[in-house]
Amino acid sequence: MKTHTTETLSATAPHVWFEANMQGIWAIMPERIHSMMTRMAQVAARTEDDAAANVTARRSVSFDRIKGGIAVIPIHNEIVQHADFWSDVFGMATVDGVGAMLDTAINDDSVGAVVLRVDSPGGSVYGIDELSAKIYGYRGTKPIIAVADSLMASAAYYVASAADQIVVTPGGEIGSVGVVAMHVDYSEMLKAEGIKPTVITAGPYKWEANPYQPLGDEAKAAVQARVDEYYEAFIDALARNRGASRTKVKKDFGGGRVVGASAAVQQGMADVVAPFDRVIRDMLPKTKTMSRNAAALEIEKVR
């Protein structure tokens, strides 16, 4: 069995992935970043063969088809746009994967309704607005119900809010409406190691937010502008998806915090509090003939 050498570990070590990805813009619960890094450290210590086997298993995942015509699409763990080594190993949801499963379910005549089963702290902003718009565009074709079972936060809420209805389990949480970007300054660490990078660039802003020097005021302002742009798009999508004003979304949708099930319904962030299995049970009888409004009535009975 092949194990990681120093060379192979350097290619898959968590800090390498962190530098390549986490300095982008994310719609995620900040406290979940550390847990993701911890899991990466654990995977880096595995053998390559074990990791490859896990990847193979992950790539075979698709939606669950429940007898009676309900397609259950999982949106679990962190969300990224495209599949890669880390997303496969950790079972992250991907925008590509969720979108493909949704397309298949909507175009499958044997599927009468779609349930998005969400348990995610959010993820990268890339592709999230497009996926939310896709779900919203499918409204009226088949009932689409999103269930927070148990966490629907940030990018996950961005996506799932486009469903016809949002159900949250009694112990579930919804929210974390916001966007975050991170800059890591390695300059002091490199200085202590006697390492001094020399970078040659073209373009006045090409290297302004690099990790080898402190973040300057102008670079910080540029990053802040991008964060604000994604945040405003997030607010616009929630206002559209939930039929609320931008003012209400900013004021009542948690302000970046997650809220419990009852508060989520009271504040207009969700529609119903119910366990996942009860939602499925009450949807089953009419999945073949449900209209969008009929689906709403069925879920209301779960209260």
Protein backbone atom coordinates (compact mmCIF):
# COMPACT_ATOMS: atom_id res chain seq x y z
CA MET A 1 0.00 0.00 0.00
CA LYS A 2 1.38 3.36 -1.02
CA THR A 3 1.72 5.96 1.73
CA HIS A 4 2.29 9.68 1.50
CA THR A 5 5.92 10.77 1.28
CA THR A 6 7.08 14.25 2.20
CA GLU A 7 6.66 15.23 -1.45
CA THR A 8 3.11 13.88 -1.82
CA LEU A 9 2.02 15.40 1.48
CA SER A 10 3.26 18.80 0.36
CA ALA A 11 0.87 18.58 -2.57
CA THR A 12 -2.17 17.66 -0.49
CA ALA A 13 -1.44 19.34 2.84
CA PRO A 14 -4.34 21.38 4.21
CA HIS A 15 -2.52 24.72 4.16
CA VAL A 16 -1.95 24.35 0.41
CA TRP A 17 -5.68 23.90 -0.20
CA PHE A 18 -6.34 26.74 2.22
CA GLU A 19 -4.10 29.16 0.32
CA ALA A 20 -5.65 28.16 -3.00
CA ASN A 21 -9.28 28.33 -1.93
CA MET A 22 -10.08 29.95 1.41
CA GLN A 23 -8.76 33.35 0.38
CA GLY A 24 -11.64 33.59 -2.08
CA ILE A 25 -15.07 34.89 -1.12
CA TRP A 26 -17.36 32.62 0.86
CA ALA A 27 -20.91 32.57 2.12
CA ILE A 28 -20.27 30.26 5.06
CA MET A 29 -20.47 30.21 8.83
CA PRO A 30 -16.98 31.46 9.85
CA GLU A 31 -16.75 29.05 12.78
CA ARG A 32 -17.02 26.10 10.39
CA ILE A 33 -13.79 27.00 8.59
CA HIS A 34 -11.67 25.60 11.43
CA SER A 35 -13.53 22.28 11.45
CA MET A 36 -12.97 21.98 7.69
CA MET A 37 -9.25 22.53 8.17
CA THR A 38 -9.14 19.89 10.91
CA ARG A 39 -10.76 17.34 8.61
CA MET A 40 -8.24 18.17 5.89
CA ALA A 41 -5.39 17.54 8.30
CA GLN A 42 -6.83 14.11 9.07
CA VAL A 43 -7.17 13.23 5.40
CA ALA A 44 -3.61 14.35 4.64
CA ALA A 45 -2.40 11.63 7.01
CA ARG A 46 -4.28 8.85 5.17
CA THR A 47 -2.80 6.65 2.51
CA GLU A 48 -3.38 7.65 -1.10
CA ASP A 49 -5.14 4.34 -1.77
CA ASP A 50 -7.64 4.94 1.06
CA ALA A 51 -8.33 8.46 -0.17
CA ALA A 52 -8.80 7.26 -3.75
CA ALA A 53 -11.31 4.62 -2.63
CA ASN A 54 -13.28 7.26 -0.76
CA VAL A 55 -13.31 9.52 -3.82
CA THR A 56 -14.65 6.69 -6.00
CA ALA A 57 -17.48 6.10 -3.55
CA ARG A 58 -18.40 9.79 -3.40
CA ARG A 59 -18.58 10.20 -7.16
CA SER A 60 -21.42 7.64 -7.33
CA VAL A 61 -23.78 9.71 -5.14
CA SER A 62 -27.15 10.75 -6.64
CA PHE A 63 -30.57 11.70 -5.36
CA ASP A 64 -32.72 9.24 -3.42
CA ARG A 65 -35.87 8.11 -5.17
CA ILE A 66 -38.62 7.49 -2.63
CA LYS A 67 -41.46 5.18 -3.62
CA GLY A 68 -44.39 7.40 -4.48
CA GLY A 69 -42.50 9.78 -6.72
CA ILE A 70 -40.40 12.02 -4.47
CA ALA A 71 -36.78 12.80 -5.40
CA VAL A 72 -34.69 13.74 -2.35
CA ILE A 73 -31.62 15.76 -3.32
CA PRO A 74 -28.96 16.03 -0.57
CA ILE A 75 -27.17 19.33 0.03
CA HIS A 76 -24.80 18.33 2.82
CA ASN A 77 -21.61 19.77 4.26
CA GLU A 78 -19.77 22.68 2.62
CA ILE A 79 -20.77 23.74 -0.90
CA VAL A 80 -18.27 24.30 -3.73
CA GLN A 81 -18.86 24.89 -7.41
CA HIS A 82 -16.99 21.97 -8.97
CA ALA A 83 -15.93 18.57 -7.66
CA ASP A 84 -12.27 18.06 -6.73
CA PHE A 85 -10.21 15.85 -4.45
CA TRP A 86 -11.29 17.57 -1.24
CA SER A 87 -14.96 17.87 -2.11
CA ASP A 88 -15.11 14.17 -2.96
CA VAL A 89 -13.30 13.03 0.17
CA PHE A 90 -15.42 15.16 2.49
CA GLY A 91 -18.71 14.58 0.71
CA MET A 92 -19.19 18.28 0.04
CA ALA A 93 -22.15 19.37 -2.06
CA THR A 94 -21.27 20.84 -5.44
CA VAL A 95 -23.22 23.34 -7.48
CA ASP A 96 -22.68 21.16 -10.54
CA GLY A 97 -23.93 18.04 -8.78
CA VAL A 98 -27.03 19.59 -7.21
CA GLY A 99 -27.93 21.30 -10.48
CA ALA A 100 -27.58 18.06 -12.44
CA MET A 101 -29.71 16.11 -9.95
CA LEU A 102 -32.36 18.82 -10.06
CA ASP A 103 -32.45 18.79 -13.87
CA THR A 104 -32.81 15.02 -13.87
CA ALA A 105 -35.60 15.04 -11.29
CA ILE A 106 -37.58 17.79 -13.01
CA ASN A 107 -37.35 16.04 -16.39
CA ASP A 108 -38.15 12.57 -15.01
CA ASP A 109 -41.85 11.79 -15.50
CA SER A 110 -41.78 9.32 -12.61
CA VAL A 111 -40.84 12.09 -10.18
CA GLY A 112 -43.81 14.06 -8.84
CA ALA A 113 -42.05 16.31 -6.32
CA VAL A 114 -38.54 17.34 -5.28
CA VAL A 115 -37.23 17.69 -1.73
CA LEU A 116 -33.94 19.47 -1.08
CA ARG A 117 -32.61 17.91 2.14
CA VAL A 118 -30.18 20.49 3.49
CA ASP A 119 -27.60 20.18 6.25
CA SER A 120 -24.90 22.67 5.34
CA PRO A 121 -23.05 25.66 6.82
CA GLY A 122 -22.72 27.21 3.34
CA GLY A 123 -19.66 27.43 1.16
CA SER A 124 -18.08 29.25 -1.75
CA VAL A 125 -20.11 31.98 -3.46
CA TYR A 126 -19.15 30.70 -6.91
CA GLY A 127 -22.15 29.34 -8.80
CA ILE A 128 -24.52 29.88 -5.87
CA ASP A 129 -26.56 32.69 -7.43
CA GLU A 130 -26.93 30.69 -10.63
CA LEU A 131 -28.12 27.59 -8.76
CA SER A 132 -30.60 29.63 -6.73
CA ALA A 133 -31.95 31.15 -9.94
CA LYS A 134 -32.24 27.70 -11.52
CA ILE A 135 -34.33 26.41 -8.63
CA TYR A 136 -36.49 29.52 -8.72
CA GLY A 137 -36.96 29.06 -12.47
CA TYR A 138 -38.29 25.55 -11.91
CA ARG A 139 -41.10 26.80 -9.69
CA GLY A 140 -44.47 25.78 -11.11
CA THR A 141 -43.11 22.70 -12.90
CA LYS A 142 -43.09 20.36 -9.90
CA PRO A 143 -43.33 21.08 -6.17
CA ILE A 144 -39.89 21.84 -4.73
CA ILE A 145 -39.65 21.75 -0.94
CA ALA A 146 -36.44 22.59 0.95
CA VAL A 147 -35.98 21.05 4.40
CA ALA A 148 -33.40 22.35 6.87
CA ASP A 149 -32.38 19.04 8.45
CA SER A 150 -30.81 20.45 10.49
CA LEU A 151 -28.66 23.37 9.27
CA MET A 152 -29.43 25.66 6.33
CA ALA A 153 -26.87 28.45 6.57
CA SER A 154 -25.40 31.10 4.31
CA ALA A 155 -24.86 29.76 0.77
CA ALA A 156 -27.09 26.79 1.59
CA TYR A 157 -29.90 29.18 2.50
CA TYR A 158 -29.12 31.28 -0.59
CA VAL A 159 -29.79 28.17 -2.69
CA ALA A 160 -32.64 26.53 -0.79
CA SER A 161 -34.64 29.72 -0.30
CA ALA A 162 -35.57 29.45 -3.99
CA ALA A 163 -37.77 26.41 -3.30
CA ASP A 164 -41.56 26.75 -3.18
CA GLN A 165 -41.46 26.27 0.56
CA ILE A 166 -38.93 25.97 3.36
CA VAL A 167 -39.47 23.51 6.19
CA VAL A 168 -37.18 23.50 9.21
CA THR A 169 -36.92 20.57 11.60
CA PRO A 170 -37.76 21.33 15.26
CA GLY A 171 -34.09 21.37 16.26
CA GLY A 172 -32.92 22.99 13.04
CA GLU A 173 -31.34 26.37 12.30
CA ILE A 174 -31.52 28.76 9.37
CA GLY A 175 -29.68 31.95 8.48
CA SER A 176 -26.08 33.19 8.53
CA VAL A 177 -26.98 35.65 5.79
CA GLY A 178 -23.69 37.25 4.88
CA VAL A 179 -20.43 36.98 2.97
CA VAL A 180 -16.86 36.64 4.23
CA ALA A 181 -13.39 36.92 2.73
CA MET A 182 -10.14 36.11 4.48
CA HIS A 183 -6.58 37.27 3.99
CA VAL A 184 -3.73 35.36 5.65
CA ASP A 185 -0.42 37.17 6.11
CA TYR A 186 2.51 34.74 6.18
CA SER A 187 5.19 37.44 6.08
CA GLU A 188 6.31 37.16 9.72
CA MET A 189 6.39 33.36 9.55
CA LEU A 190 8.50 33.45 6.42
CA LYS A 191 10.79 36.07 7.95
CA ALA A 192 11.38 33.81 10.95
CA GLU A 193 12.32 31.00 8.57
CA GLY A 194 14.71 33.22 6.64
CA ILE A 195 12.54 33.11 3.52
CA LYS A 196 12.05 36.24 1.44
CA PRO A 197 9.79 35.84 -1.62
CA THR A 198 10.53 37.89 -4.71
CA VAL A 199 7.53 38.33 -6.98
CA ILE A 200 7.57 39.84 -10.47
CA THR A 201 4.21 41.13 -11.68
CA ALA A 202 2.58 43.19 -14.42
CA GLY A 203 -0.50 45.23 -13.67
CA PRO A 204 -0.84 47.66 -10.74
CA TYR A 205 -3.17 45.45 -8.67
CA LYS A 206 -2.08 41.97 -9.80
CA TRP A 207 -0.50 40.95 -6.48
CA GLU A 208 -2.16 43.36 -4.04
CA ALA A 209 -3.84 40.75 -1.78
CA ASN A 210 -1.01 38.21 -1.77
CA PRO A 211 -0.35 36.22 1.42
CA TYR A 212 3.32 37.18 1.70
CA GLN A 213 2.81 40.72 2.96
CA PRO A 214 0.28 42.60 5.14
CA LEU A 215 -2.95 43.61 3.45
CA GLY A 216 -2.79 47.29 2.52
CA ASP A 217 -5.69 49.71 2.84
CA GLU A 218 -6.29 49.94 -0.90
CA ALA A 219 -6.26 46.16 -1.31
CA LYS A 220 -8.58 45.75 1.68
CA ALA A 221 -11.02 48.22 0.18
CA ALA A 222 -11.01 46.28 -3.10
CA VAL A 223 -11.73 43.00 -1.31
CA GLN A 224 -14.45 44.70 0.74
CA ALA A 225 -16.08 45.96 -2.46
CA ARG A 226 -16.25 42.39 -3.82
CA VAL A 227 -17.68 41.11 -0.53
CA ASP A 228 -20.31 43.86 -0.59
CA GLU A 229 -21.22 43.02 -4.18
CA TYR A 230 -21.86 39.35 -3.36
CA TYR A 231 -23.75 40.33 -0.20
CA GLU A 232 -26.11 42.61 -2.14
CA ALA A 233 -26.73 39.80 -4.65
CA PHE A 234 -27.50 37.49 -1.69
CA ILE A 235 -30.04 40.00 -0.33
CA ASP A 236 -31.62 40.44 -3.77
CA ALA A 237 -32.03 36.67 -4.16
CA LEU A 238 -33.58 36.23 -0.72
CA ALA A 239 -36.00 39.10 -1.36
CA ARG A 240 -37.06 37.48 -4.64
CA ASN A 241 -37.20 33.94 -3.30
CA ARG A 242 -39.09 34.75 -0.11
CA GLY A 243 -41.31 37.48 -1.52
CA ALA A 244 -39.92 40.01 0.95
CA SER A 245 -38.43 43.48 0.71
CA ARG A 246 -34.68 44.01 0.83
CA THR A 247 -35.23 46.02 4.00
CA LYS A 248 -37.01 43.12 5.69
CA VAL A 249 -34.31 40.66 4.65
CA LYS A 250 -31.57 42.85 6.11
CA LYS A 251 -33.55 43.61 9.27
CA ASP A 252 -35.30 40.34 10.10
CA PHE A 253 -33.31 37.51 8.53
CA GLY A 254 -30.77 37.16 11.32
CA GLY A 255 -28.21 39.78 10.33
CA GLY A 256 -25.54 37.12 9.85
CA ARG A 257 -26.65 34.91 12.73
CA VAL A 258 -28.49 31.61 12.51
CA VAL A 259 -31.89 31.43 14.20
CA GLY A 260 -33.91 28.53 15.55
CA ALA A 261 -36.89 26.90 13.91
CA SER A 262 -39.71 28.87 15.52
CA ALA A 263 -37.95 32.21 15.08
CA ALA A 264 -37.20 31.39 11.43
CA VAL A 265 -40.92 30.93 10.73
CA GLN A 266 -41.93 33.99 12.76
CA GLN A 267 -39.40 36.17 10.91
CA GLY A 268 -40.44 34.93 7.46
CA MET A 269 -37.24 33.00 6.80
CA ALA A 270 -39.08 29.65 6.67
CA ASP A 271 -42.66 28.45 6.39
CA VAL A 272 -43.20 25.39 8.56
CA VAL A 273 -41.61 23.53 11.47
CA ALA A 274 -41.76 19.75 10.99
CA PRO A 275 -39.56 16.63 11.15
CA PHE A 276 -38.17 15.45 7.81
CA ASP A 277 -39.94 12.09 7.83
CA ARG A 278 -43.29 13.72 8.48
CA VAL A 279 -42.82 16.04 5.52
CA ILE A 280 -42.17 13.05 3.26
CA ARG A 281 -45.12 11.11 4.70
CA ASP A 282 -47.57 13.94 4.16
CA MET A 283 -46.33 14.66 0.63
CA LEU A 284 -46.54 11.08 -0.64
CA PRO A 285 -50.28 10.71 -1.37
CA LYS A 286 -50.49 13.42 -4.05
CA THR A 287 -47.05 13.69 -5.62
CA LYS A 288 -48.30 12.66 -9.05
CA THR A 289 -50.96 15.36 -9.26
CA MET A 290 -49.70 18.13 -6.98
CA SER A 291 -49.71 21.66 -8.25
CA ARG A 292 -47.46 24.21 -6.59
CA ASN A 293 -50.37 25.45 -4.45
CA ALA A 294 -51.44 21.91 -3.54
CA ALA A 295 -47.92 21.21 -2.32
CA ALA A 296 -48.13 24.25 -0.09
CA LEU A 297 -51.41 23.05 1.40
CA GLU A 298 -50.02 19.58 2.06
CA ILE A 299 -47.01 20.91 3.91
CA GLU A 300 -49.15 23.26 5.96
CA LYS A 301 -50.88 20.17 7.39
CA VAL A 302 -47.59 19.06 8.91
CA ARG A 303 -47.65 21.85 11.49
